[in-house]
Amino acid sequence: MNEASGSGMLMLMLKSMAALAAVLALFALVIWLIRRFRPGLKIADEHMLMMEQRISLDGKNAIAVIRCGGQRWLIGLSPAGPVRIDRLDPEHREPEEDEVRS
């Protein structure tokens, strides 16, 4: 292989890599634009489902506090599926240490 064909091969590889990078950048831009300007999507929706806290009980079971539509729920999580345990008071606060001990 002579030097001229080696440099030609290098230029071909560089052009191919640049084209691939341009296509990937364009793809990332399109995905970002779709997510950014999706019709009907609200960023801070009061009905958005949000997990506030999750506590693992063992390897398979956990409990979680979920907020949805301005309401808070205590949910049990197990391999059988989620189970609603109770609706929490909106004014719920964490107990003080001395309240927990007594």
C-alpha atoms as a PDB file:
ATOM      1  CA  MET A   1       0.000   0.000   0.000  1.00  0.00           C
ATOM      2  CA  ASN A   2       1.496   3.330  -0.993  1.00  0.00           C
ATOM      3  CA  GLU A   3       1.324   6.595   0.912  1.00  0.00           C
ATOM      4  CA  ALA A   4      -1.213   8.210  -1.441  1.00  0.00           C
ATOM      5  CA  SER A   5      -3.790   5.460  -0.973  1.00  0.00           C
ATOM      6  CA  GLY A   6      -3.183   5.478   2.803  1.00  0.00           C
ATOM      7  CA  SER A   7      -3.912   9.198   3.082  1.00  0.00           C
ATOM      8  CA  GLY A   8      -6.941   8.765   0.808  1.00  0.00           C
ATOM      9  CA  MET A   9      -8.251   6.057   3.124  1.00  0.00           C
ATOM     10  CA  LEU A  10      -7.677   8.300   6.151  1.00  0.00           C
ATOM     11  CA  MET A  11      -9.613  11.150   4.525  1.00  0.00           C
ATOM     12  CA  LEU A  12     -12.457   8.784   3.661  1.00  0.00           C
ATOM     13  CA  MET A  13     -12.630   7.604   7.299  1.00  0.00           C
ATOM     14  CA  LEU A  14     -12.600  11.180   8.606  1.00  0.00           C
ATOM     15  CA  LYS A  15     -15.401  12.198   6.225  1.00  0.00           C
ATOM     16  CA  SER A  16     -17.440   9.157   7.260  1.00  0.00           C
ATOM     17  CA  MET A  17     -16.974   9.916  10.960  1.00  0.00           C
ATOM     18  CA  ALA A  18     -17.943  13.568  10.416  1.00  0.00           C
ATOM     19  CA  ALA A  19     -21.076  12.529   8.520  1.00  0.00           C
ATOM     20  CA  LEU A  20     -22.026  10.075  11.289  1.00  0.00           C
ATOM     21  CA  ALA A  21     -21.517  12.756  13.947  1.00  0.00           C
ATOM     22  CA  ALA A  22     -23.700  15.191  11.966  1.00  0.00           C
ATOM     23  CA  VAL A  23     -26.505  12.623  11.619  1.00  0.00           C
ATOM     24  CA  LEU A  24     -26.385  11.761  15.331  1.00  0.00           C
ATOM     25  CA  ALA A  25     -26.426  15.460  16.286  1.00  0.00           C
ATOM     26  CA  LEU A  26     -29.419  16.060  14.023  1.00  0.00           C
ATOM     27  CA  PHE A  27     -31.206  13.044  15.542  1.00  0.00           C
ATOM     28  CA  ALA A  28     -30.541  14.337  19.088  1.00  0.00           C
ATOM     29  CA  LEU A  29     -31.858  17.780  18.110  1.00  0.00           C
ATOM     30  CA  VAL A  30     -35.071  16.308  16.690  1.00  0.00           C
ATOM     31  CA  ILE A  31     -35.645  14.242  19.846  1.00  0.00           C
ATOM     32  CA  TRP A  32     -35.035  17.301  22.038  1.00  0.00           C
ATOM     33  CA  LEU A  33     -37.462  19.407  19.955  1.00  0.00           C
ATOM     34  CA  ILE A  34     -40.163  16.729  20.132  1.00  0.00           C
ATOM     35  CA  ARG A  35     -39.864  16.519  23.910  1.00  0.00           C
ATOM     36  CA  ARG A  36     -39.674  20.287  24.328  1.00  0.00           C
ATOM     37  CA  PHE A  37     -42.631  21.233  22.156  1.00  0.00           C
ATOM     38  CA  ARG A  38     -44.928  18.220  22.478  1.00  0.00           C
ATOM     39  CA  PRO A  39     -48.520  19.534  22.330  1.00  0.00           C
ATOM     40  CA  GLY A  40     -50.504  19.181  25.526  1.00  0.00           C
ATOM     41  CA  LEU A  41     -47.502  18.481  27.730  1.00  0.00           C
ATOM     42  CA  LYS A  42     -47.488  20.563  30.905  1.00  0.00           C
ATOM     43  CA  ILE A  43     -44.248  20.797  32.839  1.00  0.00           C
ATOM     44  CA  ALA A  44     -45.703  21.503  36.297  1.00  0.00           C
ATOM     45  CA  ASP A  45     -49.087  19.810  36.302  1.00  0.00           C
ATOM     46  CA  GLU A  46     -50.897  19.530  39.629  1.00  0.00           C
ATOM     47  CA  HIS A  47     -52.170  16.104  38.547  1.00  0.00           C
ATOM     48  CA  MET A  48     -48.667  14.820  37.982  1.00  0.00           C
ATOM     49  CA  LEU A  49     -47.872  11.614  39.846  1.00  0.00           C
ATOM     50  CA  MET A  50     -44.843  11.978  42.118  1.00  0.00           C
ATOM     51  CA  MET A  51     -43.247   9.637  44.639  1.00  0.00           C
ATOM     52  CA  GLU A  52     -42.322  11.692  47.705  1.00  0.00           C
ATOM     53  CA  GLN A  53     -40.734   8.925  49.729  1.00  0.00           C
ATOM     54  CA  ARG A  54     -40.124   5.174  49.490  1.00  0.00           C
ATOM     55  CA  ILE A  55     -39.078   2.868  52.307  1.00  0.00           C
ATOM     56  CA  SER A  56     -38.001  -0.703  51.636  1.00  0.00           C
ATOM     57  CA  LEU A  57     -39.415  -3.185  54.143  1.00  0.00           C
ATOM     58  CA  ASP A  58     -37.541  -6.223  52.847  1.00  0.00           C
ATOM     59  CA  GLY A  59     -36.198  -7.491  49.541  1.00  0.00           C
ATOM     60  CA  LYS A  60     -39.590  -7.539  47.845  1.00  0.00           C
ATOM     61  CA  ASN A  61     -41.901  -5.167  49.742  1.00  0.00           C
ATOM     62  CA  ALA A  62     -41.912  -1.429  50.309  1.00  0.00           C
ATOM     63  CA  ILE A  63     -44.205   1.431  51.249  1.00  0.00           C
ATOM     64  CA  ALA A  64     -44.329   4.754  49.462  1.00  0.00           C
ATOM     65  CA  VAL A  65     -45.922   8.171  49.825  1.00  0.00           C
ATOM     66  CA  ILE A  66     -47.335   9.240  46.465  1.00  0.00           C
ATOM     67  CA  ARG A  67     -48.678  12.694  45.543  1.00  0.00           C
ATOM     68  CA  CYS A  68     -51.258  12.973  42.780  1.00  0.00           C
ATOM     69  CA  GLY A  69     -53.687  15.806  42.106  1.00  0.00           C
ATOM     70  CA  GLY A  70     -52.875  17.597  45.334  1.00  0.00           C
ATOM     71  CA  GLN A  71     -53.593  14.490  47.403  1.00  0.00           C
ATOM     72  CA  ARG A  72     -51.116  12.250  49.196  1.00  0.00           C
ATOM     73  CA  TRP A  73     -51.475   8.477  49.438  1.00  0.00           C
ATOM     74  CA  LEU A  74     -49.688   5.768  51.406  1.00  0.00           C
ATOM     75  CA  ILE A  75     -49.149   2.864  49.006  1.00  0.00           C
ATOM     76  CA  GLY A  76     -47.889  -0.653  49.683  1.00  0.00           C
ATOM     77  CA  LEU A  77     -45.634  -2.080  46.972  1.00  0.00           C
ATOM     78  CA  SER A  78     -45.224  -5.829  46.555  1.00  0.00           C
ATOM     79  CA  PRO A  79     -44.632  -8.370  43.769  1.00  0.00           C
ATOM     80  CA  ALA A  80     -48.438  -8.778  43.593  1.00  0.00           C
ATOM     81  CA  GLY A  81     -48.769  -5.075  42.732  1.00  0.00           C
ATOM     82  CA  PRO A  82     -49.457  -1.763  44.470  1.00  0.00           C
ATOM     83  CA  VAL A  83     -52.086  -1.528  47.215  1.00  0.00           C
ATOM     84  CA  ARG A  84     -53.606   1.695  48.543  1.00  0.00           C
ATOM     85  CA  ILE A  85     -53.182   1.704  52.309  1.00  0.00           C
ATOM     86  CA  ASP A  86     -54.535   5.123  53.248  1.00  0.00           C
ATOM     87  CA  ARG A  87     -55.056   8.687  52.107  1.00  0.00           C
ATOM     88  CA  LEU A  88     -52.798  11.014  54.059  1.00  0.00           C
ATOM     89  CA  ASP A  89     -53.922  14.288  55.577  1.00  0.00           C
ATOM     90  CA  PRO A  90     -52.768  17.244  53.433  1.00  0.00           C
ATOM     91  CA  GLU A  91     -51.488  18.894  56.610  1.00  0.00           C
ATOM     92  CA  HIS A  92     -49.400  15.804  57.418  1.00  0.00           C
ATOM     93  CA  ARG A  93     -46.092  16.562  59.120  1.00  0.00           C
ATOM     94  CA  GLU A  94     -43.240  14.399  60.273  1.00  0.00           C
ATOM     95  CA  PRO A  95     -43.456  13.607  64.022  1.00  0.00           C
ATOM     96  CA  GLU A  96     -40.835  15.068  66.301  1.00  0.00           C
ATOM     97  CA  GLU A  97     -38.289  12.656  67.853  1.00  0.00           C
ATOM     98  CA  ASP A  98     -39.820  12.920  71.335  1.00  0.00           C
ATOM     99  CA  GLU A  99     -43.287  12.135  69.884  1.00  0.00           C
ATOM    100  CA  VAL A 100     -41.981   8.945  68.286  1.00  0.00           C
ATOM    101  CA  ARG A 101     -40.318   7.705  71.475  1.00  0.00           C
ATOM    102  CA  SER A 102     -43.325   8.238  73.767  1.00  0.00           C
END
